[in-house]
Amino acid sequence: MSTEAHGKAATGPVAGFLENPVVGMAPWIIFSLLVGPGRFELAVGLALAVSVALTVLSHLVNRGSSWKLLELADIVFFATMAVIGVLASEGTLNWLETYAGEVANIALAVIAFGSMAVRTPFTLQYAREQVDPSLWHTRGFLRTNYMITGAWGIAFLVAAAAGAYGDLVLHNPDNIWTGWVIQILAIVAAVKFTVWYPEVARARGVREAAGLPPEPTPWAGFLVPLAGLLVPIGIAVLIFDNMWWLGVALIVVGSLLTKSLQSRATQEPT
């Protein structure tokens, strides 16, 4: 593909949105958070519909874009799960309703770490749509994609472990902590890292090219949204859990920590 064709394939806000790896993981996130007792058909149907819609839209808007590993994995995985759901016995369906979230999280972790093992982290296919081909093989570009892909792999491993603990140890798939809070925090952290780290890497590369020493990593900018999530989590705990004191503590700590991190983030180099 020529540089000119490449540029046309990834221009415009809609095209840029569709070429974000977070969009490719949307069906998995929807499925892993929604699936549960009595919700398997809804979760897999919605995830498959979103997978197909995003893939079709991506190739309609970005006519020069390539087929991506994650797009194909989305459709194959959820189509397979849909067929299994239709043909499965009641016992198999009950098992899927309980453990399909962990299966999906583990599958995506395998995709992430497997793509890194073969030296093609899956985010590379998205990132190459957004930068000039002259940058595709530079150390900074490759390192950034290894870091982002690894962050997603870790996030989905954490989500799988949390879900498994809720299912196997607590015997409660809808436990607010293992079924929702921990998994959402892991995913939000990966989303934020995907947006935050490239800016850090670019700033580091500029200083390195200028012969300047590296500055401390601006972690406050990464942590602000995670701290902010403590407030709605505290509210959810107040409403759905019996530990009201923990809900109040989370709201207070989240508010104070967010304010402190925002203040620090404004002082950090960008």
Foldseek 3Di string as FASTA:
>chain_A
DDQVLLLQLQDDPVLLVLLFVVLLCVLLLQLLLQFAVPCNLVSLVVSLVSLVVSVVVNCVRRVSADDAPSSVCSNVVSVVSNVCCVPPDPVVVNVCSQQVSLVSLQVLLCLLVVCVVVLHGRSLSSVSSPDGPVCSPDPLNSVLSNVLSNLSSVLSVQLSVLQCCCCPPVVHNVPCVSSPVSSVLSSLLSVLCSVPVVVLSVVQVVCVVVVHDDDDRLCLSSCLVSLLVLLVSLVCCCVPNPPNVSSVVSNVRSVVSNVVSVVSNVVDDD
